[in-house]
Amino acid sequence: MVAYDRGMRLGYNTNGFAHHRLEDAIELLAELGYGSVAITLDYHALNPFAPDSELLPQLERVRDSLQRYRLRCVVETGARFLLDPRRKHQPTLLDPDPEQRLRRLTFLLHACTIANILQADAVSFWSGSAPAGECEATLWDRLVDNCLSLCELTDSPSIRLAFEPEPGMFIDTMAKFAELHRRVNHARFGLTLDIGHLHCLEEMPARPHLQRWQSILWNVHLEDMRRGVHDHLPLGEGEIDFAEVFAGLGEIGYSGGVHVELSRHSHDAVETARRSLAFLRRFCNNDEARQCQAAN
């Protein structure tokens, strides 16, 4: 068995509990035995645009729940229709309209404030898809400028910004992430690595990426997937070699959250989360399993 770093925690993304109250989802995940929660900000889950009279009490309840159950967390910003009820994942940092780009940047800054209050490990975000008819150089400039603005404008020095390459978006591959990281070149700018995305885009095995980016790897997403198809599958229903993935995480002493992301399985959230944790525990012996998922 792999010897895991004692800080690594198995976690679950609340976008897979879309039909639950956020506080209930946190309690359920703690009861199941998870050690971390990826909180996707959404209409009923710490909506940054809600009035303070609604948001602040919910923030207090969530922070108290995390502390009570000794859960770590990351803040996720990939809600589908939070900023625009008609267009999925819009607007983005690449939008041709400066006011729309500012809407996304403002949202991400709000997410950083929430993350600071929750003492989150990181804020995870992505580029969005490339608008039609835009030249690549312009898109690079927009994205780099906005990433730098996010790094410099967030009001907490402890916030870490973990960028996620995603199939179908402007920054999809690890090669493009490497170029973005070179251009942004900021201490707060790191990586969310989605193992399924690596497999989808035929960038496996995971080990070389884990080794290259270990110093700025602040968040890991996990699901099963098949090559060439961006469809998040329950663990064990795709083609991913999870033994190789966890061996790689163990080798680099990864000390963050490994968050299962199954946003299309909210209809069976509790059982899907239960089965996912049972699957992942196969890659740990008893002592290591406790360290992978339990709060210290």
Protein backbone atom coordinates (compact mmCIF):
# COMPACT_ATOMS: atom_id res chain seq x y z
CA MET A 1 0.00 0.00 0.00
CA VAL A 2 1.02 3.61 -0.56
CA ALA A 3 2.17 5.62 2.46
CA TYR A 4 0.05 8.77 2.30
CA ASP A 5 1.02 12.13 3.69
CA ARG A 6 -0.91 12.65 6.91
CA GLY A 7 -2.42 15.90 5.64
CA MET A 8 -4.21 14.38 2.63
CA ARG A 9 -7.96 14.23 3.04
CA LEU A 10 -10.63 12.58 0.96
CA GLY A 11 -13.38 15.06 0.16
CA TYR A 12 -16.54 15.63 -1.83
CA ASN A 13 -17.87 18.57 -3.85
CA THR A 14 -21.18 20.05 -2.75
CA ASN A 15 -22.24 20.45 -6.39
CA GLY A 16 -23.07 16.75 -6.01
CA PHE A 17 -25.54 17.67 -3.25
CA ALA A 18 -27.48 20.27 -5.25
CA HIS A 19 -30.83 19.26 -3.72
CA HIS A 20 -29.61 19.51 -0.11
CA ARG A 21 -29.17 22.49 2.15
CA LEU A 22 -25.45 23.24 2.30
CA GLU A 23 -25.30 22.76 6.05
CA ASP A 24 -27.04 19.38 5.73
CA ALA A 25 -24.60 18.30 3.01
CA ILE A 26 -21.64 19.17 5.24
CA GLU A 27 -23.11 17.20 8.13
CA LEU A 28 -23.83 14.19 5.92
CA LEU A 29 -20.33 14.18 4.43
CA ALA A 30 -18.81 14.34 7.90
CA GLU A 31 -21.01 11.44 9.06
CA LEU A 32 -19.92 9.37 6.06
CA GLY A 33 -16.28 9.90 7.01
CA TYR A 34 -14.99 12.55 4.61
CA GLY A 35 -12.29 14.93 5.83
CA SER A 36 -12.75 17.81 3.41
CA VAL A 37 -15.52 19.59 1.50
CA ALA A 38 -15.31 21.45 -1.80
CA ILE A 39 -17.99 24.13 -1.47
CA THR A 40 -19.38 25.27 -4.81
CA LEU A 41 -20.84 28.74 -4.33
CA ASP A 42 -24.37 28.86 -5.77
CA TYR A 43 -27.79 30.43 -5.26
CA HIS A 44 -28.47 28.54 -2.04
CA ALA A 45 -24.86 27.81 -1.09
CA LEU A 46 -23.12 30.97 0.14
CA ASN A 47 -24.28 33.09 -2.78
CA PRO A 48 -21.80 36.02 -2.76
CA PHE A 49 -24.45 38.35 -4.17
CA ALA A 50 -27.01 37.68 -1.45
CA PRO A 51 -27.76 40.51 1.02
CA ASP A 52 -25.46 40.53 4.03
CA SER A 53 -28.48 39.77 6.19
CA GLU A 54 -28.70 36.37 4.44
CA LEU A 55 -25.07 35.63 3.59
CA LEU A 56 -23.37 36.46 6.88
CA PRO A 57 -25.56 34.19 9.06
CA GLN A 58 -25.11 31.33 6.59
CA LEU A 59 -21.36 31.91 6.56
CA GLU A 60 -21.32 31.70 10.34
CA ARG A 61 -23.31 28.46 10.31
CA VAL A 62 -21.08 26.89 7.68
CA ARG A 63 -17.89 27.98 9.44
CA ASP A 64 -19.22 26.56 12.71
CA SER A 65 -20.13 23.27 11.01
CA LEU A 66 -16.71 22.91 9.45
CA GLN A 67 -15.06 23.53 12.81
CA ARG A 68 -17.45 21.24 14.68
CA TYR A 69 -16.78 18.34 12.31
CA ARG A 70 -13.10 19.24 11.90
CA LEU A 71 -13.41 19.46 8.14
CA ARG A 72 -11.11 21.33 5.83
CA CYS A 73 -12.55 23.00 2.75
CA VAL A 74 -11.86 24.66 -0.57
CA VAL A 75 -14.12 27.18 -2.31
CA GLU A 76 -15.23 26.29 -5.84
CA THR A 77 -16.53 28.85 -8.36
CA GLY A 78 -17.92 26.65 -11.13
CA ALA A 79 -21.67 27.05 -10.54
CA ARG A 80 -23.45 26.77 -13.88
CA PHE A 81 -25.94 29.66 -13.81
CA LEU A 82 -25.05 31.82 -10.83
CA LEU A 83 -24.00 34.88 -12.86
CA ASP A 84 -26.33 34.44 -15.83
CA PRO A 85 -29.57 32.41 -15.63
CA ARG A 86 -29.64 31.95 -19.42
CA ARG A 87 -26.04 31.05 -20.26
CA LYS A 88 -24.08 28.29 -18.54
CA HIS A 89 -20.78 29.42 -16.97
CA GLN A 90 -21.10 32.96 -18.32
CA PRO A 91 -19.71 35.59 -18.24
CA THR A 92 -16.03 34.65 -17.96
CA LEU A 93 -12.68 36.38 -17.63
CA LEU A 94 -12.48 36.17 -21.44
CA ASP A 95 -15.72 37.99 -22.24
CA PRO A 96 -15.39 40.66 -24.98
CA ASP A 97 -17.35 43.11 -22.83
CA PRO A 98 -15.14 44.66 -20.09
CA GLU A 99 -18.16 45.06 -17.80
CA GLN A 100 -18.92 41.35 -18.09
CA ARG A 101 -15.30 40.42 -17.36
CA LEU A 102 -15.54 42.64 -14.30
CA ARG A 103 -18.65 40.74 -13.15
CA ARG A 104 -16.67 37.49 -13.16
CA LEU A 105 -13.69 39.11 -11.46
CA THR A 106 -15.93 40.64 -8.80
CA PHE A 107 -17.49 37.23 -8.17
CA LEU A 108 -14.05 35.67 -7.74
CA LEU A 109 -13.03 38.40 -5.32
CA HIS A 110 -16.19 37.74 -3.30
CA ALA A 111 -15.25 34.05 -3.33
CA CYS A 112 -11.86 34.96 -1.87
CA THR A 113 -13.52 36.89 0.95
CA ILE A 114 -15.73 33.89 1.71
CA ALA A 115 -12.71 31.58 1.59
CA ASN A 116 -10.87 33.79 4.06
CA ILE A 117 -13.77 33.66 6.53
CA LEU A 118 -13.98 29.86 6.18
CA GLN A 119 -10.18 29.47 6.37
CA ALA A 120 -10.33 27.54 3.13
CA ASP A 121 -7.27 25.86 1.63
CA ALA A 122 -7.82 27.51 -1.77
CA VAL A 123 -10.22 29.15 -4.20
CA SER A 124 -10.58 27.16 -7.41
CA PHE A 125 -11.46 28.78 -10.77
CA TRP A 126 -11.03 28.35 -14.53
CA SER A 127 -10.75 30.41 -17.73
CA GLY A 128 -14.09 29.75 -19.42
CA SER A 129 -14.48 28.94 -23.10
CA ALA A 130 -13.02 31.11 -25.85
CA PRO A 131 -15.57 33.55 -27.34
CA ALA A 132 -16.11 33.05 -31.07
CA GLY A 133 -14.15 35.31 -33.40
CA GLU A 134 -11.55 36.44 -30.85
CA CYS A 135 -7.86 36.18 -31.64
CA GLU A 136 -5.80 33.99 -29.35
CA ALA A 137 -3.34 36.73 -28.36
CA THR A 138 -6.20 38.92 -27.13
CA LEU A 139 -7.63 36.07 -25.07
CA TRP A 140 -4.25 35.39 -23.49
CA ASP A 141 -3.87 39.06 -22.57
CA ARG A 142 -7.34 39.21 -21.03
CA LEU A 143 -6.85 36.07 -19.00
CA VAL A 144 -3.39 36.95 -17.73
CA ASP A 145 -4.44 40.49 -16.80
CA ASN A 146 -7.48 39.23 -14.89
CA CYS A 147 -5.56 36.49 -13.11
CA LEU A 148 -2.99 39.06 -12.00
CA SER A 149 -5.76 41.41 -10.88
CA LEU A 150 -7.32 38.62 -8.85
CA CYS A 151 -3.98 37.80 -7.23
CA GLU A 152 -3.31 41.42 -6.37
CA LEU A 153 -6.78 42.61 -5.37
CA THR A 154 -7.88 39.87 -3.02
CA ASP A 155 -7.79 41.28 0.48
CA SER A 156 -6.24 38.35 2.35
CA PRO A 157 -2.56 37.42 2.03
CA SER A 158 -3.38 33.82 2.96
CA ILE A 159 -5.69 33.12 0.01
CA ARG A 160 -4.35 30.68 -2.58
CA LEU A 161 -5.82 30.75 -6.10
CA ALA A 162 -5.92 27.33 -7.72
CA PHE A 163 -6.51 27.42 -11.47
CA GLU A 164 -8.20 24.43 -13.12
CA PRO A 165 -7.58 23.44 -16.75
CA GLU A 166 -10.83 22.06 -18.17
CA PRO A 167 -11.82 20.37 -21.46
CA GLY A 168 -13.66 22.75 -23.78
CA MET A 169 -12.25 25.86 -22.14
CA PHE A 170 -9.53 28.20 -23.37
CA ILE A 171 -7.05 26.69 -20.91
CA ASP A 172 -7.70 22.99 -21.22
CA THR A 173 -4.36 21.16 -21.29
CA MET A 174 -1.47 21.08 -18.87
CA ALA A 175 0.76 22.59 -21.55
CA LYS A 176 -1.51 25.64 -21.69
CA PHE A 177 -1.59 25.81 -17.91
CA ALA A 178 2.22 25.82 -17.89
CA GLU A 179 2.20 28.81 -20.24
CA LEU A 180 -0.42 30.61 -18.15
CA HIS A 181 1.55 29.96 -14.97
CA ARG A 182 4.68 31.35 -16.62
CA ARG A 183 2.88 34.52 -17.68
CA VAL A 184 1.04 35.15 -14.42
CA ASN A 185 4.09 34.36 -12.28
CA HIS A 186 2.54 35.19 -8.92
CA ALA A 187 3.05 33.46 -5.59
CA ARG A 188 -0.71 33.10 -5.02
CA PHE A 189 -1.34 31.45 -8.39
CA GLY A 190 -1.39 27.66 -8.29
CA LEU A 191 -3.18 24.59 -9.61
CA THR A 192 -6.38 22.62 -9.23
CA LEU A 193 -5.67 19.30 -10.95
CA ASP A 194 -8.69 17.32 -12.16
CA ILE A 195 -7.63 13.72 -12.71
CA GLY A 196 -10.59 12.97 -14.99
CA HIS A 197 -9.69 15.89 -17.23
CA LEU A 198 -6.19 14.51 -17.63
CA HIS A 199 -7.65 11.20 -18.73
CA CYS A 200 -10.24 12.80 -21.03
CA LEU A 201 -7.54 14.75 -22.88
CA GLU A 202 -5.14 11.77 -22.92
CA GLU A 203 -2.60 13.42 -20.63
CA MET A 204 -2.21 10.46 -18.30
CA PRO A 205 -0.38 9.08 -16.40
CA ALA A 206 -0.89 11.53 -13.57
CA ARG A 207 2.49 11.04 -11.90
CA PRO A 208 4.56 13.38 -14.12
CA HIS A 209 2.06 16.22 -13.64
CA LEU A 210 1.91 15.64 -9.88
CA GLN A 211 5.68 15.69 -9.66
CA ARG A 212 6.11 18.78 -11.84
CA TRP A 213 3.50 20.89 -10.03
CA GLN A 214 3.71 19.53 -6.50
CA SER A 215 4.83 22.86 -5.00
CA ILE A 216 1.67 24.67 -6.20
CA LEU A 217 -0.83 21.79 -6.20
CA TRP A 218 -3.51 23.13 -3.85
CA ASN A 219 -6.62 21.20 -4.88
CA VAL A 220 -7.40 17.87 -6.58
CA HIS A 221 -10.66 16.87 -8.28
CA LEU A 222 -11.47 13.22 -8.75
CA GLU A 223 -13.99 11.28 -10.82
CA ASP A 224 -13.82 8.46 -13.32
CA MET A 225 -13.78 9.18 -17.05
CA ARG A 226 -13.19 7.72 -20.50
CA ARG A 227 -10.68 9.01 -23.01
CA GLY A 228 -12.06 11.73 -25.25
CA VAL A 229 -15.39 12.07 -23.40
CA HIS A 230 -15.86 14.84 -20.82
CA ASP A 231 -18.38 13.02 -18.66
CA HIS A 232 -17.84 12.76 -14.89
CA LEU A 233 -18.51 9.11 -14.02
CA PRO A 234 -18.82 7.42 -10.63
CA LEU A 235 -15.55 5.92 -9.45
CA GLY A 236 -14.93 2.52 -11.02
CA GLU A 237 -17.17 3.10 -14.04
CA GLY A 238 -14.51 4.54 -16.35
CA GLU A 239 -10.92 3.82 -17.33
CA ILE A 240 -8.77 5.62 -14.74
CA ASP A 241 -6.04 3.73 -12.89
CA PHE A 242 -6.66 5.08 -9.38
CA ALA A 243 -3.84 3.03 -7.88
CA GLU A 244 -1.42 4.98 -10.07
CA VAL A 245 -3.03 8.28 -9.13
CA PHE A 246 -2.84 7.67 -5.38
CA ALA A 247 0.66 6.31 -5.65
CA GLY A 248 1.65 9.58 -7.30
CA LEU A 249 -0.09 11.66 -4.63
CA GLY A 250 1.68 9.67 -1.95
CA GLU A 251 5.06 10.08 -3.59
CA ILE A 252 4.83 13.88 -3.55
CA GLY A 253 3.44 14.01 -0.01
CA TYR A 254 0.33 15.82 -1.14
CA SER A 255 -1.33 17.44 1.87
CA GLY A 256 -4.57 18.90 0.50
CA GLY A 257 -8.05 17.72 -0.32
CA VAL A 258 -8.89 15.11 -2.96
CA HIS A 259 -12.47 16.01 -3.84
CA VAL A 260 -14.86 13.72 -5.68
CA GLU A 261 -16.79 15.80 -8.25
CA LEU A 262 -20.04 14.25 -9.45
CA SER A 263 -22.36 17.19 -10.05
CA ARG A 264 -24.80 15.16 -12.14
CA HIS A 265 -25.49 12.66 -9.37
CA SER A 266 -27.29 14.89 -6.87
CA HIS A 267 -30.44 12.77 -7.30
CA ASP A 268 -28.58 10.01 -5.42
CA ALA A 269 -26.16 12.19 -3.49
CA VAL A 270 -25.83 10.31 -0.21
CA GLU A 271 -25.40 6.85 -1.70
CA THR A 272 -23.06 8.12 -4.42
CA ALA A 273 -20.90 9.80 -1.78
CA ARG A 274 -20.97 6.65 0.35
CA ARG A 275 -19.94 4.42 -2.54
CA SER A 276 -17.23 6.87 -3.61
CA LEU A 277 -15.59 6.84 -0.19
CA ALA A 278 -15.75 3.05 0.01
CA PHE A 279 -14.08 2.86 -3.41
CA LEU A 280 -11.28 5.25 -2.43
CA ARG A 281 -10.56 3.42 0.80
CA ARG A 282 -9.50 0.44 -1.28
CA PHE A 283 -6.29 2.31 -2.00
CA CYS A 284 -5.38 2.75 1.69
CA ASN A 285 -4.69 0.34 4.49
CA ASN A 286 -6.63 0.88 7.72
CA ASP A 287 -4.22 3.35 9.34
CA GLU A 288 -3.69 5.27 6.14
CA ALA A 289 -7.42 5.39 5.44
CA ARG A 290 -7.98 7.20 8.70
CA GLN A 291 -5.27 9.69 7.84
CA CYS A 292 -6.63 10.18 4.31
CA GLN A 293 -10.10 11.12 5.47
CA ALA A 294 -10.27 11.83 9.16
CA ALA A 295 -9.93 15.24 10.77
CA ASN A 296 -6.66 15.37 12.75
